[in-house]
Amino acid sequence: LDSLTELADAQERYNESFRRMLTGNVRYQPEKQPQTKRTTSGIGPEIGLSEEEQQLRQEVEMDNTGGAVVTKQPSAPVNISPRDIPLEQMYFSPPIGGAVSAPFDAEKNHFGVDVIAPKNTPVKAVMDGWVIFSDWTLETGNTIAIQHANNLVTFYKHNSALLKKTGNYVKAGVAIAIIGNTGELTDGPHLHFELWHSGKPVNPMDFLDFK
């Protein structure tokens, strides 16, 4: 019974973390490089991880299969690697090609980049992963979120149409949505793209070329 209670509590904490990422209701703190070497022994506390990172790691990896997911839709397994790889060493396929109209600006709670592209341009997954959210929200319209390895989550917002459902596994470069202008927080057709690492937003332009 205790283990079931702990599992439910961990799921709720993960759900809450995801809701904060989805709505942008977070306190931004730039990522810091770990000072000591990390271990690779499963989901226990890791040397070099902050308390917040350890909590997020435990919330996401709450069983050996990575079964913690969010959403009111059917759950999907989450693919999490046992340790983080520096983002600089990872390859991200651009979700779309176009002009960046609004850059990342955490001080203004703009936790992603806005990219303008022609009507009906497909939006593509930047890495392999599981769709953990595919639905409409009032502020961001048709929105998709994908959980990737390495404690990464990507968001694709304001789409005109969603091509994948929660629980789908997608490969990098696969079309997941169509660019659009849905939701209240938009003033023209574009993709709002966000990249989150261990529960913190990072500037996508540091790792992707949208041209």
C-alpha atoms as a PDB file:
ATOM      1  CA  LEU A   1       0.000   0.000   0.000  1.00  0.00           C
ATOM      2  CA  ASP A   2       2.817   2.374   0.902  1.00  0.00           C
ATOM      3  CA  SER A   3       4.519   1.747  -2.424  1.00  0.00           C
ATOM      4  CA  LEU A   4       1.277   2.487  -4.292  1.00  0.00           C
ATOM      5  CA  THR A   5       0.881   5.716  -2.342  1.00  0.00           C
ATOM      6  CA  GLU A   6       4.447   6.734  -3.148  1.00  0.00           C
ATOM      7  CA  LEU A   7       3.855   5.914  -6.810  1.00  0.00           C
ATOM      8  CA  ALA A   8       0.697   8.030  -6.882  1.00  0.00           C
ATOM      9  CA  ASP A   9       2.491  10.908  -5.152  1.00  0.00           C
ATOM     10  CA  ALA A  10       5.356  10.718  -7.637  1.00  0.00           C
ATOM     11  CA  GLN A  11       2.894  10.720 -10.541  1.00  0.00           C
ATOM     12  CA  GLU A  12       1.152  13.794  -9.151  1.00  0.00           C
ATOM     13  CA  ARG A  13       4.461  15.634  -8.691  1.00  0.00           C
ATOM     14  CA  TYR A  14       5.392  14.810 -12.263  1.00  0.00           C
ATOM     15  CA  ASN A  15       1.980  15.957 -13.468  1.00  0.00           C
ATOM     16  CA  GLU A  16       2.446  19.239 -11.636  1.00  0.00           C
ATOM     17  CA  SER A  17       5.921  19.698 -13.137  1.00  0.00           C
ATOM     18  CA  PHE A  18       4.484  19.114 -16.591  1.00  0.00           C
ATOM     19  CA  ARG A  19       1.630  21.562 -16.009  1.00  0.00           C
ATOM     20  CA  ARG A  20       4.163  24.230 -15.039  1.00  0.00           C
ATOM     21  CA  MET A  21       6.123  23.591 -18.218  1.00  0.00           C
ATOM     22  CA  LEU A  22       2.974  23.616 -20.349  1.00  0.00           C
ATOM     23  CA  THR A  23       1.755  26.939 -18.954  1.00  0.00           C
ATOM     24  CA  GLY A  24       5.169  28.556 -18.496  1.00  0.00           C
ATOM     25  CA  ASN A  25       4.420  29.102 -14.805  1.00  0.00           C
ATOM     26  CA  VAL A  26       7.983  28.594 -13.597  1.00  0.00           C
ATOM     27  CA  ARG A  27      10.725  30.586 -11.945  1.00  0.00           C
ATOM     28  CA  TYR A  28      13.542  30.736 -14.465  1.00  0.00           C
ATOM     29  CA  GLN A  29      17.064  29.915 -13.297  1.00  0.00           C
ATOM     30  CA  PRO A  30      19.808  29.367 -15.876  1.00  0.00           C
ATOM     31  CA  GLU A  31      21.256  25.886 -15.868  1.00  0.00           C
ATOM     32  CA  LYS A  32      24.476  25.366 -13.927  1.00  0.00           C
ATOM     33  CA  GLN A  33      27.143  22.873 -14.848  1.00  0.00           C
ATOM     34  CA  PRO A  34      27.598  20.073 -12.293  1.00  0.00           C
ATOM     35  CA  GLN A  35      30.739  20.278 -10.197  1.00  0.00           C
ATOM     36  CA  THR A  36      31.187  16.556  -9.634  1.00  0.00           C
ATOM     37  CA  LYS A  37      30.870  13.408 -11.668  1.00  0.00           C
ATOM     38  CA  ARG A  38      27.444  11.853 -11.908  1.00  0.00           C
ATOM     39  CA  THR A  39      26.705   8.229 -11.243  1.00  0.00           C
ATOM     40  CA  THR A  40      24.719   5.995 -13.561  1.00  0.00           C
ATOM     41  CA  SER A  41      23.019   3.741 -11.066  1.00  0.00           C
ATOM     42  CA  GLY A  42      19.355   3.965 -11.980  1.00  0.00           C
ATOM     43  CA  ILE A  43      16.996   6.473 -10.468  1.00  0.00           C
ATOM     44  CA  GLY A  44      18.561   7.078  -7.088  1.00  0.00           C
ATOM     45  CA  PRO A  45      20.129  10.409  -6.075  1.00  0.00           C
ATOM     46  CA  GLU A  46      23.056  11.308  -8.332  1.00  0.00           C
ATOM     47  CA  ILE A  47      26.169  13.185  -7.360  1.00  0.00           C
ATOM     48  CA  GLY A  48      26.285  16.467  -9.241  1.00  0.00           C
ATOM     49  CA  LEU A  49      22.514  16.843  -9.645  1.00  0.00           C
ATOM     50  CA  SER A  50      20.727  19.621  -7.816  1.00  0.00           C
ATOM     51  CA  GLU A  51      17.921  18.706  -5.455  1.00  0.00           C
ATOM     52  CA  GLU A  52      15.411  19.964  -8.039  1.00  0.00           C
ATOM     53  CA  GLU A  53      16.993  17.860 -10.786  1.00  0.00           C
ATOM     54  CA  GLN A  54      17.013  14.790  -8.544  1.00  0.00           C
ATOM     55  CA  GLN A  55      13.333  15.286  -7.773  1.00  0.00           C
ATOM     56  CA  LEU A  56      12.427  15.645 -11.445  1.00  0.00           C
ATOM     57  CA  ARG A  57      14.537  12.598 -12.334  1.00  0.00           C
ATOM     58  CA  GLN A  58      12.743  10.545  -9.667  1.00  0.00           C
ATOM     59  CA  GLU A  59       9.348  11.840 -10.732  1.00  0.00           C
ATOM     60  CA  VAL A  60       9.908  10.909 -14.361  1.00  0.00           C
ATOM     61  CA  GLU A  61      11.777   7.652 -13.754  1.00  0.00           C
ATOM     62  CA  MET A  62       9.565   6.310 -11.044  1.00  0.00           C
ATOM     63  CA  ASP A  63       9.801   2.769 -12.313  1.00  0.00           C
ATOM     64  CA  ASN A  64      12.286   0.792 -14.374  1.00  0.00           C
ATOM     65  CA  THR A  65      10.260   1.155 -17.557  1.00  0.00           C
ATOM     66  CA  GLY A  66       9.888   4.919 -17.226  1.00  0.00           C
ATOM     67  CA  GLY A  67       6.126   4.618 -17.026  1.00  0.00           C
ATOM     68  CA  ALA A  68       5.397   8.034 -15.572  1.00  0.00           C
ATOM     69  CA  VAL A  69       3.521  10.237 -17.953  1.00  0.00           C
ATOM     70  CA  VAL A  70       1.128  13.064 -17.886  1.00  0.00           C
ATOM     71  CA  THR A  71      -2.136  13.784 -19.552  1.00  0.00           C
ATOM     72  CA  LYS A  72      -5.781  13.124 -19.419  1.00  0.00           C
ATOM     73  CA  GLN A  73      -5.329  10.956 -22.494  1.00  0.00           C
ATOM     74  CA  PRO A  74      -3.941   7.385 -22.575  1.00  0.00           C
ATOM     75  CA  SER A  75      -0.519   7.120 -20.984  1.00  0.00           C
ATOM     76  CA  ALA A  76       2.648   6.337 -22.901  1.00  0.00           C
ATOM     77  CA  PRO A  77       6.019   4.986 -21.850  1.00  0.00           C
ATOM     78  CA  VAL A  78       8.741   7.563 -21.435  1.00  0.00           C
ATOM     79  CA  ASN A  79      12.232   6.995 -22.799  1.00  0.00           C
ATOM     80  CA  ILE A  80      14.747   8.359 -20.299  1.00  0.00           C
ATOM     81  CA  SER A  81      18.475   7.678 -20.417  1.00  0.00           C
ATOM     82  CA  PRO A  82      20.210   6.685 -17.161  1.00  0.00           C
ATOM     83  CA  ARG A  83      22.363   9.805 -17.225  1.00  0.00           C
ATOM     84  CA  ASP A  84      22.417  13.145 -18.944  1.00  0.00           C
ATOM     85  CA  ILE A  85      24.445  13.795 -22.065  1.00  0.00           C
ATOM     86  CA  PRO A  86      25.571  17.426 -22.471  1.00  0.00           C
ATOM     87  CA  LEU A  87      23.151  19.161 -24.798  1.00  0.00           C
ATOM     88  CA  GLU A  88      26.070  20.414 -26.871  1.00  0.00           C
ATOM     89  CA  GLN A  89      26.817  16.791 -27.794  1.00  0.00           C
ATOM     90  CA  MET A  90      23.280  16.046 -28.964  1.00  0.00           C
ATOM     91  CA  TYR A  91      21.838  16.488 -32.454  1.00  0.00           C
ATOM     92  CA  PHE A  92      18.489  18.238 -32.858  1.00  0.00           C
ATOM     93  CA  SER A  93      16.656  18.181 -36.165  1.00  0.00           C
ATOM     94  CA  PRO A  94      15.000  21.594 -36.710  1.00  0.00           C
ATOM     95  CA  PRO A  95      11.213  21.452 -36.212  1.00  0.00           C
ATOM     96  CA  ILE A  96      10.668  23.913 -39.030  1.00  0.00           C
ATOM     97  CA  GLY A  97      12.638  26.215 -41.288  1.00  0.00           C
ATOM     98  CA  GLY A  98      11.897  29.923 -41.214  1.00  0.00           C
ATOM     99  CA  ALA A  99      12.633  33.323 -39.726  1.00  0.00           C
ATOM    100  CA  VAL A 100      12.759  33.706 -35.949  1.00  0.00           C
ATOM    101  CA  SER A 101      10.358  36.541 -35.152  1.00  0.00           C
ATOM    102  CA  ALA A 102      10.676  36.416 -31.363  1.00  0.00           C
ATOM    103  CA  PRO A 103      13.727  34.952 -29.603  1.00  0.00           C
ATOM    104  CA  PHE A 104      13.968  33.201 -26.245  1.00  0.00           C
ATOM    105  CA  ASP A 105      13.575  35.719 -23.406  1.00  0.00           C
ATOM    106  CA  ALA A 106      13.112  34.133 -19.990  1.00  0.00           C
ATOM    107  CA  GLU A 107      12.876  37.501 -18.237  1.00  0.00           C
ATOM    108  CA  LYS A 108       9.674  38.148 -20.193  1.00  0.00           C
ATOM    109  CA  ASN A 109       8.424  34.580 -19.655  1.00  0.00           C
ATOM    110  CA  HIS A 110       8.968  33.795 -23.323  1.00  0.00           C
ATOM    111  CA  PHE A 111      10.467  30.345 -22.822  1.00  0.00           C
ATOM    112  CA  GLY A 112      10.873  29.469 -26.488  1.00  0.00           C
ATOM    113  CA  VAL A 113      11.258  30.931 -29.960  1.00  0.00           C
ATOM    114  CA  ASP A 114       8.641  31.981 -32.506  1.00  0.00           C
ATOM    115  CA  VAL A 115       9.373  30.856 -36.057  1.00  0.00           C
ATOM    116  CA  ILE A 116       7.487  32.149 -39.110  1.00  0.00           C
ATOM    117  CA  ALA A 117       6.983  29.809 -42.064  1.00  0.00           C
ATOM    118  CA  PRO A 118       4.532  29.494 -44.982  1.00  0.00           C
ATOM    119  CA  LYS A 119       0.970  28.298 -44.454  1.00  0.00           C
ATOM    120  CA  ASN A 120       0.539  24.515 -44.187  1.00  0.00           C
ATOM    121  CA  THR A 121       4.218  23.935 -43.416  1.00  0.00           C
ATOM    122  CA  PRO A 122       4.630  20.677 -41.456  1.00  0.00           C
ATOM    123  CA  VAL A 123       6.095  20.853 -37.960  1.00  0.00           C
ATOM    124  CA  LYS A 124       8.535  18.031 -37.236  1.00  0.00           C
ATOM    125  CA  ALA A 125       9.846  16.296 -34.117  1.00  0.00           C
ATOM    126  CA  VAL A 126      13.367  17.419 -33.237  1.00  0.00           C
ATOM    127  CA  MET A 127      14.332  14.035 -31.732  1.00  0.00           C
ATOM    128  CA  ASP A 128      12.906  10.564 -31.217  1.00  0.00           C
ATOM    129  CA  GLY A 129      10.442  10.400 -28.347  1.00  0.00           C
ATOM    130  CA  TRP A 130       6.962   9.754 -26.969  1.00  0.00           C
ATOM    131  CA  VAL A 131       4.080  12.180 -27.404  1.00  0.00           C
ATOM    132  CA  ILE A 132       2.938  12.961 -23.866  1.00  0.00           C
ATOM    133  CA  PHE A 133       0.472  15.740 -24.734  1.00  0.00           C
ATOM    134  CA  SER A 134      -1.538  16.370 -27.892  1.00  0.00           C
ATOM    135  CA  ASP A 135      -4.512  18.615 -27.306  1.00  0.00           C
ATOM    136  CA  TRP A 136      -5.980  22.107 -27.387  1.00  0.00           C
ATOM    137  CA  THR A 137      -5.292  24.720 -24.702  1.00  0.00           C
ATOM    138  CA  LEU A 138      -6.924  28.132 -24.483  1.00  0.00           C
ATOM    139  CA  GLU A 139      -3.665  30.088 -24.561  1.00  0.00           C
ATOM    140  CA  THR A 140      -1.522  28.013 -26.937  1.00  0.00           C
ATOM    141  CA  GLY A 141      -4.130  26.361 -29.163  1.00  0.00           C
ATOM    142  CA  ASN A 142      -3.236  23.020 -30.720  1.00  0.00           C
ATOM    143  CA  THR A 143      -0.195  21.928 -28.746  1.00  0.00           C
ATOM    144  CA  ILE A 144       2.063  18.871 -28.790  1.00  0.00           C
ATOM    145  CA  ALA A 145       4.668  17.903 -26.189  1.00  0.00           C
ATOM    146  CA  ILE A 146       7.242  15.150 -26.684  1.00  0.00           C
ATOM    147  CA  GLN A 147       9.306  13.435 -23.990  1.00  0.00           C
ATOM    148  CA  HIS A 148      12.790  12.548 -25.209  1.00  0.00           C
ATOM    149  CA  ALA A 149      15.755  10.793 -23.643  1.00  0.00           C
ATOM    150  CA  ASN A 150      18.166  12.855 -21.542  1.00  0.00           C
ATOM    151  CA  ASN A 151      15.374  14.473 -19.488  1.00  0.00           C
ATOM    152  CA  LEU A 152      14.297  16.583 -22.458  1.00  0.00           C
ATOM    153  CA  VAL A 153      10.783  17.749 -23.280  1.00  0.00           C
ATOM    154  CA  THR A 154       9.890  19.765 -26.379  1.00  0.00           C
ATOM    155  CA  PHE A 155       6.722  21.807 -26.967  1.00  0.00           C
ATOM    156  CA  TYR A 156       5.200  22.792 -30.320  1.00  0.00           C
ATOM    157  CA  LYS A 157       2.410  25.369 -29.962  1.00  0.00           C
ATOM    158  CA  HIS A 158      -0.240  27.297 -31.970  1.00  0.00           C
ATOM    159  CA  ASN A 159      -0.575  24.601 -34.646  1.00  0.00           C
ATOM    160  CA  SER A 160      -3.519  24.526 -37.054  1.00  0.00           C
ATOM    161  CA  ALA A 161      -3.702  20.724 -36.860  1.00  0.00           C
ATOM    162  CA  LEU A 162      -2.187  17.925 -34.785  1.00  0.00           C
ATOM    163  CA  LEU A 163      -0.975  14.834 -36.638  1.00  0.00           C
ATOM    164  CA  LYS A 164       0.010  12.670 -33.663  1.00  0.00           C
ATOM    165  CA  LYS A 165      -1.812  11.535 -30.542  1.00  0.00           C
ATOM    166  CA  THR A 166      -0.734  11.073 -26.953  1.00  0.00           C
ATOM    167  CA  GLY A 167       1.045   7.749 -26.656  1.00  0.00           C
ATOM    168  CA  ASN A 168       2.487   7.781 -30.181  1.00  0.00           C
ATOM    169  CA  TYR A 169       6.212   7.156 -30.561  1.00  0.00           C
ATOM    170  CA  VAL A 170       7.782   9.473 -33.138  1.00  0.00           C
ATOM    171  CA  LYS A 171      11.135   9.596 -34.877  1.00  0.00           C
ATOM    172  CA  ALA A 172      13.177  12.736 -35.449  1.00  0.00           C
ATOM    173  CA  GLY A 173      12.050  14.558 -38.588  1.00  0.00           C
ATOM    174  CA  VAL A 174       8.550  13.055 -38.628  1.00  0.00           C
ATOM    175  CA  ALA A 175       5.690  15.544 -39.142  1.00  0.00           C
ATOM    176  CA  ILE A 176       3.685  15.919 -35.938  1.00  0.00           C
ATOM    177  CA  ALA A 177       1.597  19.027 -36.686  1.00  0.00           C
ATOM    178  CA  ILE A 178       0.842  21.790 -39.200  1.00  0.00           C
ATOM    179  CA  ILE A 179       1.895  25.374 -38.518  1.00  0.00           C
ATOM    180  CA  GLY A 180      -0.976  27.621 -37.506  1.00  0.00           C
ATOM    181  CA  ASN A 181      -2.345  30.533 -35.505  1.00  0.00           C
ATOM    182  CA  THR A 182      -4.453  28.939 -32.767  1.00  0.00           C
ATOM    183  CA  GLY A 183      -4.852  30.004 -29.156  1.00  0.00           C
ATOM    184  CA  GLU A 184      -5.068  33.380 -27.466  1.00  0.00           C
ATOM    185  CA  LEU A 185      -1.326  34.043 -27.177  1.00  0.00           C
ATOM    186  CA  THR A 186      -0.656  34.512 -30.882  1.00  0.00           C
ATOM    187  CA  ASP A 187      -0.871  37.345 -33.379  1.00  0.00           C
ATOM    188  CA  GLY A 188      -0.180  35.534 -36.638  1.00  0.00           C
ATOM    189  CA  PRO A 189       0.750  32.149 -38.110  1.00  0.00           C
ATOM    190  CA  HIS A 190       3.935  30.791 -36.543  1.00  0.00           C
ATOM    191  CA  LEU A 191       5.398  27.959 -34.507  1.00  0.00           C
ATOM    192  CA  HIS A 192       6.219  28.588 -30.875  1.00  0.00           C
ATOM    193  CA  PHE A 193       8.888  26.014 -29.990  1.00  0.00           C
ATOM    194  CA  GLU A 194      10.238  25.298 -26.506  1.00  0.00           C
ATOM    195  CA  LEU A 195      13.077  23.075 -25.286  1.00  0.00           C
ATOM    196  CA  TRP A 196      13.129  22.028 -21.612  1.00  0.00           C
ATOM    197  CA  HIS A 197      15.934  20.150 -19.885  1.00  0.00           C
ATOM    198  CA  SER A 198      15.390  18.667 -16.428  1.00  0.00           C
ATOM    199  CA  GLY A 199      12.401  20.930 -15.868  1.00  0.00           C
ATOM    200  CA  LYS A 200      14.168  24.127 -16.949  1.00  0.00           C
ATOM    201  CA  PRO A 201      13.723  26.062 -20.208  1.00  0.00           C
ATOM    202  CA  VAL A 202      16.804  26.463 -22.381  1.00  0.00           C
ATOM    203  CA  ASN A 203      17.337  28.667 -25.416  1.00  0.00           C
ATOM    204  CA  PRO A 204      16.621  26.547 -28.521  1.00  0.00           C
ATOM    205  CA  MET A 205      18.798  28.832 -30.656  1.00  0.00           C
ATOM    206  CA  ASP A 206      21.853  27.594 -28.757  1.00  0.00           C
ATOM    207  CA  PHE A 207      21.295  24.135 -30.227  1.00  0.00           C
ATOM    208  CA  LEU A 208      19.173  24.464 -33.390  1.00  0.00           C
ATOM    209  CA  ASP A 209      19.429  26.341 -36.664  1.00  0.00           C
ATOM    210  CA  PHE A 210      15.993  27.386 -37.925  1.00  0.00           C
ATOM    211  CA  LYS A 211      17.215  28.714 -41.285  1.00  0.00           C
END
